[in-house]
Structures are given as C-alpha cells and as structure tokens.
Amino acid sequence: MRIGAMTPEQVDQVLKLQQEGDNRLFGEIAIEQGFINDKAIKAYLDSRK
C-alpha cells in the first residue's frame, strides 16, 4: 500500500486471510490473489537502493 501497489481493501483482505489461518507470507498471498506481481516487487526493491 505504501508504494501504491495495493489498495487498503486488498491489504485488509490479505490480513484477513492470515487471521483465518493462512500461514503464508503477506507477499505470497498478495501475489496469489493477483494484487501485486513480480514487476511491482522489483520496482519497489529498485527504489530502495
């Protein structure tokens, strides 16, 4: 959300899945749900250099 790749609603949905017992990492769930992709992650990581 901080980098504009996800909406607040999408973040809430991932957090809800985790609270319901999904033990995967936040990013894994977000990718599986189609909220973010490898391109968004790479852009974020590149911006942190």
PDB file of N, CA and C in Angstrom:
ATOM      1  N   MET A   1       0.833  -1.179   0.000  1.00  0.00           N
ATOM      2  CA  MET A   1       0.000   0.000   0.000  1.00  0.00           C
ATOM      3  C   MET A   1       0.883   1.250   0.000  1.00  0.00           C
ATOM      4  N   ARG A   2       1.959   1.179   0.748  1.00  0.00           N
ATOM      5  CA  ARG A   2       2.848   2.346   0.866  1.00  0.00           C
ATOM      6  C   ARG A   2       3.401   2.778  -0.482  1.00  0.00           C
ATOM      7  N   ILE A   3       3.631   1.809  -1.389  1.00  0.00           N
ATOM      8  CA  ILE A   3       4.192   2.165  -2.690  1.00  0.00           C
ATOM      9  C   ILE A   3       3.126   2.280  -3.768  1.00  0.00           C
ATOM     10  N   GLY A   4       1.862   2.164  -3.380  1.00  0.00           N
ATOM     11  CA  GLY A   4       0.775   2.309  -4.323  1.00  0.00           C
ATOM     12  C   GLY A   4       0.464   1.071  -5.128  1.00  0.00           C
ATOM     13  N   ALA A   5       0.989  -0.071  -4.732  1.00  0.00           N
ATOM     14  CA  ALA A   5       0.757  -1.296  -5.482  1.00  0.00           C
ATOM     15  C   ALA A   5      -0.535  -1.995  -5.070  1.00  0.00           C
ATOM     16  N   MET A   6      -1.042  -1.684  -3.882  1.00  0.00           N
ATOM     17  CA  MET A   6      -2.255  -2.333  -3.386  1.00  0.00           C
ATOM     18  C   MET A   6      -3.178  -1.291  -2.759  1.00  0.00           C
ATOM     19  N   THR A   7      -4.458  -1.560  -2.837  1.00  0.00           N
ATOM     20  CA  THR A   7      -5.426  -0.684  -2.188  1.00  0.00           C
ATOM     21  C   THR A   7      -5.558  -1.081  -0.715  1.00  0.00           C
ATOM     22  N   PRO A   8      -6.083  -0.199   0.107  1.00  0.00           N
ATOM     23  CA  PRO A   8      -6.316  -0.567   1.509  1.00  0.00           C
ATOM     24  C   PRO A   8      -7.225  -1.792   1.647  1.00  0.00           C
ATOM     25  N   GLU A   9      -8.199  -1.926   0.756  1.00  0.00           N
ATOM     26  CA  GLU A   9      -9.104  -3.070   0.792  1.00  0.00           C
ATOM     27  C   GLU A   9      -8.362  -4.369   0.501  1.00  0.00           C
ATOM     28  N   GLN A  10      -7.426  -4.328  -0.437  1.00  0.00           N
ATOM     29  CA  GLN A  10      -6.638  -5.519  -0.757  1.00  0.00           C
ATOM     30  C   GLN A  10      -5.757  -5.911   0.422  1.00  0.00           C
ATOM     31  N   VAL A  11      -5.158  -4.928   1.071  1.00  0.00           N
ATOM     32  CA  VAL A  11      -4.340  -5.191   2.252  1.00  0.00           C
ATOM     33  C   VAL A  11      -5.196  -5.855   3.315  1.00  0.00           C
ATOM     34  N   ASP A  12      -6.380  -5.307   3.544  1.00  0.00           N
ATOM     35  CA  ASP A  12      -7.284  -5.887   4.537  1.00  0.00           C
ATOM     36  C   ASP A  12      -7.644  -7.325   4.200  1.00  0.00           C
ATOM     37  N   GLN A  13      -7.851  -7.598   2.924  1.00  0.00           N
ATOM     38  CA  GLN A  13      -8.209  -8.955   2.522  1.00  0.00           C
ATOM     39  C   GLN A  13      -7.073  -9.935   2.802  1.00  0.00           C
ATOM     40  N   VAL A  14      -5.844  -9.538   2.511  1.00  0.00           N
ATOM     41  CA  VAL A  14      -4.693 -10.406   2.795  1.00  0.00           C
ATOM     42  C   VAL A  14      -4.568 -10.626   4.300  1.00  0.00           C
ATOM     43  N   LEU A  15      -4.697  -9.567   5.073  1.00  0.00           N
ATOM     44  CA  LEU A  15      -4.600  -9.698   6.526  1.00  0.00           C
ATOM     45  C   LEU A  15      -5.697 -10.605   7.079  1.00  0.00           C
ATOM     46  N   LYS A  16      -6.895 -10.505   6.503  1.00  0.00           N
ATOM     47  CA  LYS A  16      -7.999 -11.355   6.935  1.00  0.00           C
ATOM     48  C   LYS A  16      -7.676 -12.825   6.667  1.00  0.00           C
ATOM     49  N   LEU A  17      -7.126 -13.114   5.498  1.00  0.00           N
ATOM     50  CA  LEU A  17      -6.753 -14.485   5.181  1.00  0.00           C
ATOM     51  C   LEU A  17      -5.716 -15.009   6.175  1.00  0.00           C
ATOM     52  N   GLN A  18      -4.750 -14.172   6.533  1.00  0.00           N
ATOM     53  CA  GLN A  18      -3.752 -14.579   7.517  1.00  0.00           C
ATOM     54  C   GLN A  18      -4.401 -14.832   8.872  1.00  0.00           C
ATOM     55  N   GLN A  19      -5.323 -13.982   9.275  1.00  0.00           N
ATOM     56  CA  GLN A  19      -6.007 -14.149  10.560  1.00  0.00           C
ATOM     57  C   GLN A  19      -6.853 -15.411  10.575  1.00  0.00           C
ATOM     58  N   GLU A  20      -7.336 -15.816   9.415  1.00  0.00           N
ATOM     59  CA  GLU A  20      -8.153 -17.018   9.317  1.00  0.00           C
ATOM     60  C   GLU A  20      -7.308 -18.288   9.239  1.00  0.00           C
ATOM     61  N   GLY A  21      -5.987 -18.134   9.315  1.00  0.00           N
ATOM     62  CA  GLY A  21      -5.125 -19.309   9.384  1.00  0.00           C
ATOM     63  C   GLY A  21      -4.188 -19.539   8.218  1.00  0.00           C
ATOM     64  N   ASP A  22      -4.208 -18.672   7.213  1.00  0.00           N
ATOM     65  CA  ASP A  22      -3.265 -18.821   6.099  1.00  0.00           C
ATOM     66  C   ASP A  22      -1.885 -18.428   6.604  1.00  0.00           C
ATOM     67  N   ASN A  23      -0.978 -19.382   6.637  1.00  0.00           N
ATOM     68  CA  ASN A  23       0.348 -19.159   7.224  1.00  0.00           C
ATOM     69  C   ASN A  23       1.374 -18.617   6.238  1.00  0.00           C
ATOM     70  N   ARG A  24       0.955 -18.363   5.018  1.00  0.00           N
ATOM     71  CA  ARG A  24       1.911 -17.839   4.038  1.00  0.00           C
ATOM     72  C   ARG A  24       2.280 -16.392   4.357  1.00  0.00           C
ATOM     73  N   LEU A  25       3.396 -15.961   3.789  1.00  0.00           N
ATOM     74  CA  LEU A  25       3.827 -14.575   3.933  1.00  0.00           C
ATOM     75  C   LEU A  25       2.842 -13.652   3.224  1.00  0.00           C
ATOM     76  N   PHE A  26       2.772 -12.414   3.708  1.00  0.00           N
ATOM     77  CA  PHE A  26       1.867 -11.413   3.132  1.00  0.00           C
ATOM     78  C   PHE A  26       2.050 -11.337   1.621  1.00  0.00           C
ATOM     79  N   GLY A  27       3.285 -11.218   1.174  1.00  0.00           N
ATOM     80  CA  GLY A  27       3.572 -11.087  -0.255  1.00  0.00           C
ATOM     81  C   GLY A  27       3.147 -12.292  -1.064  1.00  0.00           C
ATOM     82  N   GLU A  28       3.289 -13.480  -0.497  1.00  0.00           N
ATOM     83  CA  GLU A  28       2.867 -14.690  -1.202  1.00  0.00           C
ATOM     84  C   GLU A  28       1.369 -14.680  -1.451  1.00  0.00           C
ATOM     85  N   ILE A  29       0.617 -14.293  -0.442  1.00  0.00           N
ATOM     86  CA  ILE A  29      -0.840 -14.231  -0.588  1.00  0.00           C
ATOM     87  C   ILE A  29      -1.220 -13.149  -1.592  1.00  0.00           C
ATOM     88  N   ALA A  30      -0.591 -11.987  -1.484  1.00  0.00           N
ATOM     89  CA  ALA A  30      -0.915 -10.867  -2.369  1.00  0.00           C
ATOM     90  C   ALA A  30      -0.651 -11.233  -3.828  1.00  0.00           C
ATOM     91  N   ILE A  31       0.428 -11.936  -4.090  1.00  0.00           N
ATOM     92  CA  ILE A  31       0.733 -12.367  -5.458  1.00  0.00           C
ATOM     93  C   ILE A  31      -0.303 -13.379  -5.925  1.00  0.00           C
ATOM     94  N   GLU A  32      -0.619 -14.357  -5.076  1.00  0.00           N
ATOM     95  CA  GLU A  32      -1.584 -15.391  -5.438  1.00  0.00           C
ATOM     96  C   GLU A  32      -2.962 -14.797  -5.717  1.00  0.00           C
ATOM     97  N   GLN A  33      -3.329 -13.763  -4.989  1.00  0.00           N
ATOM     98  CA  GLN A  33      -4.621 -13.105  -5.180  1.00  0.00           C
ATOM     99  C   GLN A  33      -4.616 -12.167  -6.393  1.00  0.00           C
ATOM    100  N   GLY A  34      -3.435 -11.914  -6.968  1.00  0.00           N
ATOM    101  CA  GLY A  34      -3.325 -11.042  -8.125  1.00  0.00           C
ATOM    102  C   GLY A  34      -3.265  -9.566  -7.776  1.00  0.00           C
ATOM    103  N   PHE A  35      -3.006  -9.256  -6.503  1.00  0.00           N
ATOM    104  CA  PHE A  35      -2.952  -7.862  -6.069  1.00  0.00           C
ATOM    105  C   PHE A  35      -1.633  -7.194  -6.446  1.00  0.00           C
ATOM    106  N   ILE A  36      -0.571  -7.957  -6.461  1.00  0.00           N
ATOM    107  CA  ILE A  36       0.746  -7.450  -6.873  1.00  0.00           C
ATOM    108  C   ILE A  36       1.391  -8.495  -7.757  1.00  0.00           C
ATOM    109  N   ASN A  37       2.450  -8.095  -8.445  1.00  0.00           N
ATOM    110  CA  ASN A  37       3.174  -9.034  -9.295  1.00  0.00           C
ATOM    111  C   ASN A  37       4.672  -8.804  -9.139  1.00  0.00           C
ATOM    112  N   ASP A  38       5.441  -9.628  -9.790  1.00  0.00           N
ATOM    113  CA  ASP A  38       6.895  -9.532  -9.680  1.00  0.00           C
ATOM    114  C   ASP A  38       7.405  -8.163 -10.116  1.00  0.00           C
ATOM    115  N   LYS A  39       6.756  -7.560 -11.101  1.00  0.00           N
ATOM    116  CA  LYS A  39       7.178  -6.246 -11.598  1.00  0.00           C
ATOM    117  C   LYS A  39       7.032  -5.190 -10.497  1.00  0.00           C
ATOM    118  N   ALA A  40       5.929  -5.230  -9.762  1.00  0.00           N
ATOM    119  CA  ALA A  40       5.713  -4.275  -8.667  1.00  0.00           C
ATOM    120  C   ALA A  40       6.731  -4.470  -7.560  1.00  0.00           C
ATOM    121  N   ILE A  41       7.030  -5.718  -7.249  1.00  0.00           N
ATOM    122  CA  ILE A  41       8.022  -6.002  -6.202  1.00  0.00           C
ATOM    123  C   ILE A  41       9.398  -5.515  -6.639  1.00  0.00           C
ATOM    124  N   LYS A  42       9.776  -5.792  -7.899  1.00  0.00           N
ATOM    125  CA  LYS A  42      11.083  -5.352  -8.391  1.00  0.00           C
ATOM    126  C   LYS A  42      11.177  -3.831  -8.369  1.00  0.00           C
ATOM    127  N   ALA A  43      10.122  -3.139  -8.773  1.00  0.00           N
ATOM    128  CA  ALA A  43      10.139  -1.685  -8.783  1.00  0.00           C
ATOM    129  C   ALA A  43      10.328  -1.152  -7.365  1.00  0.00           C
ATOM    130  N   TYR A  44       9.667  -1.756  -6.403  1.00  0.00           N
ATOM    131  CA  TYR A  44       9.812  -1.344  -5.005  1.00  0.00           C
ATOM    132  C   TYR A  44      11.238  -1.567  -4.522  1.00  0.00           C
ATOM    133  N   LEU A  45      11.784  -2.744  -4.797  1.00  0.00           N
ATOM    134  CA  LEU A  45      13.142  -3.048  -4.358  1.00  0.00           C
ATOM    135  C   LEU A  45      14.161  -2.134  -5.026  1.00  0.00           C
ATOM    136  N   ASP A  46      13.965  -1.858  -6.310  1.00  0.00           N
ATOM    137  CA  ASP A  46      14.871  -0.946  -7.015  1.00  0.00           C
ATOM    138  C   ASP A  46      14.819   0.457  -6.437  1.00  0.00           C
ATOM    139  N   SER A  47      13.655   0.872  -5.981  1.00  0.00           N
ATOM    140  CA  SER A  47      13.515   2.217  -5.425  1.00  0.00           C
ATOM    141  C   SER A  47      14.178   2.356  -4.049  1.00  0.00           C
ATOM    142  N   ARG A  48      14.453   1.237  -3.415  1.00  0.00           N
ATOM    143  CA  ARG A  48      15.051   1.240  -2.076  1.00  0.00           C
ATOM    144  C   ARG A  48      16.573   1.276  -2.119  1.00  0.00           C
ATOM    145  N   LYS A  49      17.151   1.203  -3.319  1.00  0.00           N
ATOM    146  CA  LYS A  49      18.631   1.178  -3.448  1.00  0.00           C
ATOM    147  C   LYS A  49      19.214   2.559  -3.285  1.00  0.00           C
TER     148      LYS A  49
END
